[in-house]
PDB file of N, CA and C in Angstrom:
ATOM      1  N   UNK A   1     108.576   6.712-106.748  1.00  0.00           N
ATOM      2  CA  UNK A   1     109.652   7.261-106.139  1.00  0.00           C
ATOM      3  C   UNK A   1     110.603   6.458-106.907  1.00  0.00           C
ATOM      4  N   UNK A   2     111.878   7.498-107.963  1.00  0.00           N
ATOM      5  CA  UNK A   2     113.123   6.955-108.399  1.00  0.00           C
ATOM      6  C   UNK A   2     114.103   7.140-107.498  1.00  0.00           C
ATOM      7  N   UNK A   3     115.245   5.994-107.533  1.00  0.00           N
ATOM      8  CA  UNK A   3     116.488   5.804-106.765  1.00  0.00           C
ATOM      9  C   UNK A   3     117.287   6.128-107.667  1.00  0.00           C
ATOM     10  N   UNK A   4     118.102   6.702-107.604  1.00  0.00           N
ATOM     11  CA  UNK A   4     119.427   6.646-108.774  1.00  0.00           C
ATOM     12  C   UNK A   4     120.276   5.092-107.932  1.00  0.00           C
ATOM     13  N   UNK A   5     121.034   4.762-108.856  1.00  0.00           N
ATOM     14  CA  UNK A   5     121.810   4.216-108.890  1.00  0.00           C
ATOM     15  C   UNK A   5     123.394   3.953-109.346  1.00  0.00           C
ATOM     16  N   UNK A   6     123.374   4.442-110.376  1.00  0.00           N
ATOM     17  CA  UNK A   6     124.664   4.636-111.225  1.00  0.00           C
ATOM     18  C   UNK A   6     125.655   3.713-110.584  1.00  0.00           C
ATOM     19  N   UNK A   7     125.460   2.390-111.143  1.00  0.00           N
ATOM     20  CA  UNK A   7     126.197   1.405-110.951  1.00  0.00           C
ATOM     21  C   UNK A   7     126.632   0.242-111.634  1.00  0.00           C
ATOM     22  N   UNK A   8     127.984  -0.192-111.873  1.00  0.00           N
ATOM     23  CA  UNK A   8     128.071  -0.640-113.369  1.00  0.00           C
ATOM     24  C   UNK A   8     127.507  -1.882-112.750  1.00  0.00           C
ATOM     25  N   UNK A   9     126.822  -3.182-113.757  1.00  0.00           N
ATOM     26  CA  UNK A   9     126.311  -4.086-114.236  1.00  0.00           C
ATOM     27  C   UNK A   9     126.584  -5.095-114.954  1.00  0.00           C
ATOM     28  N   UNK A  10     126.018  -6.377-114.779  1.00  0.00           N
ATOM     29  CA  UNK A  10     126.798  -7.786-116.084  1.00  0.00           C
ATOM     30  C   UNK A  10     125.395  -7.538-116.366  1.00  0.00           C
ATOM     31  N   UNK A  11     125.384  -8.166-117.702  1.00  0.00           N
ATOM     32  CA  UNK A  11     124.217  -8.454-118.356  1.00  0.00           C
ATOM     33  C   UNK A  11     124.646 -10.247-118.877  1.00  0.00           C
ATOM     34  N   UNK A  12     123.330 -11.238-117.822  1.00  0.00           N
ATOM     35  CA  UNK A  12     124.015 -12.198-117.702  1.00  0.00           C
ATOM     36  C   UNK A  12     123.206 -13.200-118.924  1.00  0.00           C
ATOM     37  N   UNK A  13     122.138 -12.490-119.122  1.00  0.00           N
ATOM     38  CA  UNK A  13     121.364 -12.713-120.453  1.00  0.00           C
ATOM     39  C   UNK A  13     120.835 -11.981-121.446  1.00  0.00           C
ATOM     40  N   UNK A  14     120.366 -12.556-122.713  1.00  0.00           N
ATOM     41  CA  UNK A  14     119.755 -11.243-123.304  1.00  0.00           C
ATOM     42  C   UNK A  14     118.485 -12.112-124.140  1.00  0.00           C
ATOM     43  N   UNK A  15     117.437 -11.015-124.801  1.00  0.00           N
ATOM     44  CA  UNK A  15     116.589 -11.779-125.683  1.00  0.00           C
ATOM     45  C   UNK A  15     116.399 -10.134-126.733  1.00  0.00           C
ATOM     46  N   UNK A  16     116.101 -11.200-127.951  1.00  0.00           N
ATOM     47  CA  UNK A  16     116.204 -10.526-129.426  1.00  0.00           C
ATOM     48  C   UNK A  16     114.577 -10.561-130.110  1.00  0.00           C
ATOM     49  N   UNK A  17     114.537  -9.449-130.357  1.00  0.00           N
ATOM     50  CA  UNK A  17     113.307  -9.073-130.657  1.00  0.00           C
ATOM     51  C   UNK A  17     113.657  -8.195-132.353  1.00  0.00           C
ATOM     52  N   UNK A  18     112.740  -8.156-133.088  1.00  0.00           N
ATOM     53  CA  UNK A  18     113.086  -7.462-134.556  1.00  0.00           C
ATOM     54  C   UNK A  18     114.179  -6.666-134.825  1.00  0.00           C
ATOM     55  N   UNK A  19     115.237  -7.948-134.463  1.00  0.00           N
ATOM     56  CA  UNK A  19     116.648  -7.731-135.147  1.00  0.00           C
ATOM     57  C   UNK A  19     117.385  -6.628-133.812  1.00  0.00           C
ATOM     58  N   UNK A  20     116.817  -6.499-133.217  1.00  0.00           N
ATOM     59  CA  UNK A  20     117.501  -5.902-131.776  1.00  0.00           C
ATOM     60  C   UNK A  20     117.842  -6.641-130.644  1.00  0.00           C
ATOM     61  N   UNK A  21     118.733  -6.254-129.933  1.00  0.00           N
ATOM     62  CA  UNK A  21     118.981  -7.472-128.588  1.00  0.00           C
ATOM     63  C   UNK A  21     118.652  -6.206-127.065  1.00  0.00           C
ATOM     64  N   UNK A  22     117.934  -7.077-126.212  1.00  0.00           N
ATOM     65  CA  UNK A  22     117.693  -6.490-125.312  1.00  0.00           C
ATOM     66  C   UNK A  22     118.248  -6.767-124.012  1.00  0.00           C
ATOM     67  N   UNK A  23     118.885  -6.515-122.699  1.00  0.00           N
ATOM     68  CA  UNK A  23     118.962  -7.151-121.990  1.00  0.00           C
ATOM     69  C   UNK A  23     117.825  -7.522-121.193  1.00  0.00           C
ATOM     70  N   UNK A  24     117.865  -9.515-121.017  1.00  0.00           N
ATOM     71  CA  UNK A  24     116.870 -10.254-119.904  1.00  0.00           C
ATOM     72  C   UNK A  24     117.319 -10.271-118.580  1.00  0.00           C
ATOM     73  N   UNK A  25     118.801 -10.779-118.518  1.00  0.00           N
ATOM     74  CA  UNK A  25     118.636 -10.815-117.026  1.00  0.00           C
ATOM     75  C   UNK A  25     120.131  -9.947-116.442  1.00  0.00           C
ATOM     76  N   UNK A  26     119.744  -9.391-115.348  1.00  0.00           N
ATOM     77  CA  UNK A  26     121.355  -8.635-114.865  1.00  0.00           C
ATOM     78  C   UNK A  26     121.678  -8.577-113.240  1.00  0.00           C
ATOM     79  N   UNK A  27     122.680  -8.760-113.164  1.00  0.00           N
ATOM     80  CA  UNK A  27     123.491  -9.214-111.679  1.00  0.00           C
ATOM     81  C   UNK A  27     124.183  -7.908-111.422  1.00  0.00           C
ATOM     82  N   UNK A  28     123.911  -7.239-110.138  1.00  0.00           N
ATOM     83  CA  UNK A  28     124.694  -6.273-109.546  1.00  0.00           C
ATOM     84  C   UNK A  28     124.733  -7.289-108.143  1.00  0.00           C
ATOM     85  N   UNK A  29     126.059  -6.708-107.762  1.00  0.00           N
ATOM     86  CA  UNK A  29     126.087  -7.361-106.053  1.00  0.00           C
ATOM     87  C   UNK A  29     125.487  -8.230-106.076  1.00  0.00           C
ATOM     88  N   UNK A  30     124.624  -8.863-105.119  1.00  0.00           N
ATOM     89  CA  UNK A  30     124.051 -10.619-104.688  1.00  0.00           C
ATOM     90  C   UNK A  30     122.878 -10.160-105.626  1.00  0.00           C
ATOM     91  N   UNK A  31     122.417  -9.210-106.154  1.00  0.00           N
ATOM     92  CA  UNK A  31     121.422  -9.096-106.669  1.00  0.00           C
ATOM     93  C   UNK A  31     120.874  -9.150-108.116  1.00  0.00           C
ATOM     94  N   UNK A  32     119.893 -10.248-108.252  1.00  0.00           N
ATOM     95  CA  UNK A  32     119.813 -10.533-109.876  1.00  0.00           C
ATOM     96  C   UNK A  32     118.299 -10.405-110.443  1.00  0.00           C
ATOM     97  N   UNK A  33     117.965 -10.076-111.912  1.00  0.00           N
ATOM     98  CA  UNK A  33     116.548  -9.310-111.720  1.00  0.00           C
ATOM     99  C   UNK A  33     116.684  -9.972-113.322  1.00  0.00           C
ATOM    100  N   UNK A  34     115.743 -10.337-113.654  1.00  0.00           N
ATOM    101  CA  UNK A  34     114.980 -11.319-114.769  1.00  0.00           C
ATOM    102  C   UNK A  34     113.475  -9.794-115.509  1.00  0.00           C
ATOM    103  N   UNK A  35     113.995  -9.061-116.345  1.00  0.00           N
ATOM    104  CA  UNK A  35     113.624  -8.569-117.045  1.00  0.00           C
ATOM    105  C   UNK A  35     112.181  -9.103-117.613  1.00  0.00           C
ATOM    106  N   UNK A  36     110.842  -8.887-117.676  1.00  0.00           N
ATOM    107  CA  UNK A  36     109.758  -9.327-118.902  1.00  0.00           C
ATOM    108  C   UNK A  36     110.029  -8.189-120.130  1.00  0.00           C
ATOM    109  N   UNK A  37     109.550  -9.128-121.664  1.00  0.00           N
ATOM    110  CA  UNK A  37     110.319  -9.451-122.427  1.00  0.00           C
ATOM    111  C   UNK A  37     109.118  -7.968-123.141  1.00  0.00           C
ATOM    112  N   UNK A  38     109.469  -6.382-122.649  1.00  0.00           N
ATOM    113  CA  UNK A  38     108.786  -5.555-123.147  1.00  0.00           C
ATOM    114  C   UNK A  38     109.446  -4.202-123.169  1.00  0.00           C
ATOM    115  N   UNK A  39     110.581  -4.178-122.827  1.00  0.00           N
ATOM    116  CA  UNK A  39     111.130  -3.058-123.096  1.00  0.00           C
ATOM    117  C   UNK A  39     111.900  -1.758-124.138  1.00  0.00           C
ATOM    118  N   UNK A  40     112.085  -0.881-124.276  1.00  0.00           N
ATOM    119  CA  UNK A  40     112.501   0.328-124.863  1.00  0.00           C
ATOM    120  C   UNK A  40     113.616  -0.019-125.259  1.00  0.00           C
ATOM    121  N   UNK A  41     113.750   1.125-126.607  1.00  0.00           N
ATOM    122  CA  UNK A  41     115.325   1.197-126.469  1.00  0.00           C
ATOM    123  C   UNK A  41     115.643   2.561-126.960  1.00  0.00           C
ATOM    124  N   UNK A  42     116.781   3.382-126.824  1.00  0.00           N
ATOM    125  CA  UNK A  42     116.959   4.489-127.755  1.00  0.00           C
ATOM    126  C   UNK A  42     118.336   4.531-127.612  1.00  0.00           C
ATOM    127  N   UNK A  43     118.631   4.999-128.934  1.00  0.00           N
ATOM    128  CA  UNK A  43     120.358   5.378-129.190  1.00  0.00           C
ATOM    129  C   UNK A  43     120.375   6.686-128.825  1.00  0.00           C
ATOM    130  N   UNK A  44     121.647   7.088-128.046  1.00  0.00           N
ATOM    131  CA  UNK A  44     122.125   8.395-128.235  1.00  0.00           C
ATOM    132  C   UNK A  44     123.166   8.709-128.892  1.00  0.00           C
ATOM    133  N   UNK A  45     123.676   9.704-130.014  1.00  0.00           N
ATOM    134  CA  UNK A  45     124.565   9.944-130.069  1.00  0.00           C
ATOM    135  C   UNK A  45     125.630  11.133-128.802  1.00  0.00           C
ATOM    136  N   UNK A  46     126.864  10.552-128.594  1.00  0.00           N
ATOM    137  CA  UNK A  46     127.565  11.194-127.322  1.00  0.00           C
ATOM    138  C   UNK A  46     128.628  11.150-128.173  1.00  0.00           C
ATOM    139  N   UNK A  47     128.854  12.426-128.803  1.00  0.00           N
ATOM    140  CA  UNK A  47     129.713  12.783-129.506  1.00  0.00           C
ATOM    141  C   UNK A  47     130.158  11.520-131.223  1.00  0.00           C
ATOM    142  N   UNK A  48     130.809  11.171-130.925  1.00  0.00           N
ATOM    143  CA  UNK A  48     131.227  10.365-131.608  1.00  0.00           C
ATOM    144  C   UNK A  48     130.803   8.455-131.673  1.00  0.00           C
ATOM    145  N   UNK A  49     130.226   8.674-130.660  1.00  0.00           N
ATOM    146  CA  UNK A  49     129.843   7.364-129.817  1.00  0.00           C
ATOM    147  C   UNK A  49     128.359   7.154-129.802  1.00  0.00           C
ATOM    148  N   UNK A  50     127.723   6.020-130.035  1.00  0.00           N
ATOM    149  CA  UNK A  50     126.566   5.975-130.086  1.00  0.00           C
ATOM    150  C   UNK A  50     126.229   4.838-128.573  1.00  0.00           C
ATOM    151  N   UNK A  51     125.328   5.585-128.072  1.00  0.00           N
ATOM    152  CA  UNK A  51     125.002   4.971-126.312  1.00  0.00           C
ATOM    153  C   UNK A  51     123.545   4.613-126.850  1.00  0.00           C
ATOM    154  N   UNK A  52     123.074   2.804-126.124  1.00  0.00           N
ATOM    155  CA  UNK A  52     121.772   2.678-126.046  1.00  0.00           C
ATOM    156  C   UNK A  52     121.076   2.629-124.657  1.00  0.00           C
ATOM    157  N   UNK A  53     119.808   3.042-124.491  1.00  0.00           N
ATOM    158  CA  UNK A  53     119.115   3.712-123.360  1.00  0.00           C
ATOM    159  C   UNK A  53     118.038   2.722-123.584  1.00  0.00           C
ATOM    160  N   UNK A  54     117.910   1.546-122.307  1.00  0.00           N
ATOM    161  CA  UNK A  54     117.147   0.688-122.048  1.00  0.00           C
ATOM    162  C   UNK A  54     116.114   1.047-120.876  1.00  0.00           C
ATOM    163  N   UNK A  55     114.568   1.576-120.771  1.00  0.00           N
ATOM    164  CA  UNK A  55     113.703   1.016-120.381  1.00  0.00           C
ATOM    165  C   UNK A  55     113.153  -0.580-120.174  1.00  0.00           C
ATOM    166  N   UNK A  56     113.558  -0.908-118.667  1.00  0.00           N
ATOM    167  CA  UNK A  56     112.989  -2.539-118.665  1.00  0.00           C
ATOM    168  C   UNK A  56     112.198  -2.454-117.149  1.00  0.00           C
ATOM    169  N   UNK A  57     111.433  -3.433-117.362  1.00  0.00           N
ATOM    170  CA  UNK A  57     110.620  -3.584-116.424  1.00  0.00           C
ATOM    171  C   UNK A  57     110.515  -5.220-115.400  1.00  0.00           C
ATOM    172  N   UNK A  58     110.983  -5.282-114.511  1.00  0.00           N
ATOM    173  CA  UNK A  58     111.070  -6.890-113.755  1.00  0.00           C
ATOM    174  C   UNK A  58     108.918  -6.984-113.314  1.00  0.00           C
ATOM    175  N   UNK A  59     108.615  -5.908-113.892  1.00  0.00           N
ATOM    176  CA  UNK A  59     106.859  -6.545-113.518  1.00  0.00           C
ATOM    177  C   UNK A  59     106.418  -5.626-112.710  1.00  0.00           C
ATOM    178  N   UNK A  60     107.428  -5.173-111.304  1.00  0.00           N
ATOM    179  CA  UNK A  60     107.216  -4.338-110.143  1.00  0.00           C
ATOM    180  C   UNK A  60     107.747  -3.277-110.235  1.00  0.00           C
ATOM    181  N   UNK A  61     108.950  -3.117-110.557  1.00  0.00           N
ATOM    182  CA  UNK A  61     109.661  -1.653-110.998  1.00  0.00           C
ATOM    183  C   UNK A  61     110.013  -1.647-112.714  1.00  0.00           C
ATOM    184  N   UNK A  62     110.649  -0.370-112.839  1.00  0.00           N
ATOM    185  CA  UNK A  62     111.009   0.193-114.063  1.00  0.00           C
ATOM    186  C   UNK A  62     112.746   0.352-114.096  1.00  0.00           C
ATOM    187  N   UNK A  63     113.349   0.174-114.571  1.00  0.00           N
ATOM    188  CA  UNK A  63     114.366   0.271-114.470  1.00  0.00           C
ATOM    189  C   UNK A  63     115.484   1.077-115.834  1.00  0.00           C
ATOM    190  N   UNK A  64     116.290   1.994-115.854  1.00  0.00           N
ATOM    191  CA  UNK A  64     117.215   3.041-116.517  1.00  0.00           C
ATOM    192  C   UNK A  64     118.567   2.247-117.138  1.00  0.00           C
ATOM    193  N   UNK A  65     118.422   1.797-118.168  1.00  0.00           N
ATOM    194  CA  UNK A  65     119.734   0.674-117.925  1.00  0.00           C
ATOM    195  C   UNK A  65     120.885   1.567-119.035  1.00  0.00           C
ATOM    196  N   UNK A  66     121.661   1.950-119.271  1.00  0.00           N
ATOM    197  CA  UNK A  66     123.039   2.744-120.444  1.00  0.00           C
ATOM    198  C   UNK A  66     124.085   1.665-120.587  1.00  0.00           C
ATOM    199  N   UNK A  67     124.212   1.418-121.929  1.00  0.00           N
ATOM    200  CA  UNK A  67     124.973   0.622-122.493  1.00  0.00           C
ATOM    201  C   UNK A  67     125.964   1.449-123.143  1.00  0.00           C
ATOM    202  N   UNK A  68     127.221   1.033-123.007  1.00  0.00           N
ATOM    203  CA  UNK A  68     128.412   2.063-123.852  1.00  0.00           C
ATOM    204  C   UNK A  68     129.093   0.913-124.680  1.00  0.00           C
ATOM    205  N   UNK A  69     128.310   0.589-126.020  1.00  0.00           N
ATOM    206  CA  UNK A  69     128.260  -0.628-126.820  1.00  0.00           C
ATOM    207  C   UNK A  69     130.179  -0.868-127.077  1.00  0.00           C
ATOM    208  N   UNK A  70     130.744  -0.031-127.228  1.00  0.00           N
ATOM    209  CA  UNK A  70     132.301   0.398-127.500  1.00  0.00           C
ATOM    210  C   UNK A  70     133.394  -0.198-126.512  1.00  0.00           C
ATOM    211  N   UNK A  71     132.650   0.627-125.155  1.00  0.00           N
ATOM    212  CA  UNK A  71     133.345  -0.014-123.575  1.00  0.00           C
ATOM    213  C   UNK A  71     133.162  -1.430-123.327  1.00  0.00           C
ATOM    214  N   UNK A  72     131.847  -1.786-123.823  1.00  0.00           N
ATOM    215  CA  UNK A  72     131.005  -2.775-123.564  1.00  0.00           C
ATOM    216  C   UNK A  72     130.798  -2.202-121.692  1.00  0.00           C
ATOM    217  N   UNK A  73     130.589  -1.656-121.572  1.00  0.00           N
ATOM    218  CA  UNK A  73     129.684  -0.826-119.913  1.00  0.00           C
ATOM    219  C   UNK A  73     128.523  -1.132-120.015  1.00  0.00           C
ATOM    220  N   UNK A  74     127.953  -1.503-119.376  1.00  0.00           N
ATOM    221  CA  UNK A  74     126.669  -1.719-118.836  1.00  0.00           C
ATOM    222  C   UNK A  74     126.477  -1.203-117.309  1.00  0.00           C
ATOM    223  N   UNK A  75     125.404   0.214-117.469  1.00  0.00           N
ATOM    224  CA  UNK A  75     125.599   0.916-116.133  1.00  0.00           C
ATOM    225  C   UNK A  75     123.970   0.246-115.891  1.00  0.00           C
ATOM    226  N   UNK A  76     123.518   0.666-114.691  1.00  0.00           N
ATOM    227  CA  UNK A  76     122.014   0.466-113.906  1.00  0.00           C
ATOM    228  C   UNK A  76     121.465   2.052-113.382  1.00  0.00           C
ATOM    229  N   UNK A  77     121.320   2.854-113.937  1.00  0.00           N
ATOM    230  CA  UNK A  77     121.118   4.589-113.924  1.00  0.00           C
ATOM    231  C   UNK A  77     119.876   4.637-112.835  1.00  0.00           C
ATOM    232  N   UNK A  78     119.124   4.170-112.797  1.00  0.00           N
ATOM    233  CA  UNK A  78     117.738   4.431-111.569  1.00  0.00           C
ATOM    234  C   UNK A  78     116.991   3.162-111.658  1.00  0.00           C
ATOM    235  N   UNK A  79     116.199   3.153-110.500  1.00  0.00           N
ATOM    236  CA  UNK A  79     114.807   2.244-110.667  1.00  0.00           C
ATOM    237  C   UNK A  79     113.551   2.848-109.979  1.00  0.00           C
ATOM    238  N   UNK A  80     112.927   2.700-110.575  1.00  0.00           N
ATOM    239  CA  UNK A  80     111.460   3.928-110.035  1.00  0.00           C
ATOM    240  C   UNK A  80     110.681   2.242-109.908  1.00  0.00           C
ATOM    241  N   UNK A  81     109.732   2.327-108.808  1.00  0.00           N
ATOM    242  CA  UNK A  81     108.257   1.805-108.325  1.00  0.00           C
ATOM    243  C   UNK A  81     107.235   1.942-109.562  1.00  0.00           C
ATOM    244  N   UNK A  82     106.327   1.230-110.137  1.00  0.00           N
ATOM    245  CA  UNK A  82     105.755   1.058-110.689  1.00  0.00           C
ATOM    246  C   UNK A  82     104.187   0.867-110.228  1.00  0.00           C
ATOM    247  N   UNK A  83     104.213   0.235-108.384  1.00  0.00           N
ATOM    248  CA  UNK A  83     103.198   0.768-107.672  1.00  0.00           C
ATOM    249  C   UNK A  83     102.708   2.185-107.304  1.00  0.00           C
TER     250      UNK A  83
END
């Protein structure tokens, strides 16, 4: 089941692989999540802007995160259970 969250988050740690940056740990509200290092990254053009979409997992759930580099906003779009 997918839960649409669409809320701003803070990325508190990153990891790097093959010259790319991925969110490692995020915080929103009172909750903090740490992702395993096996995420997917997709680049999307929105007019003149470039947006990054990440699919990340903490081992139990799958999360979709949007990053807008120009505005530096990180948005947690949704959460889906892996079980």
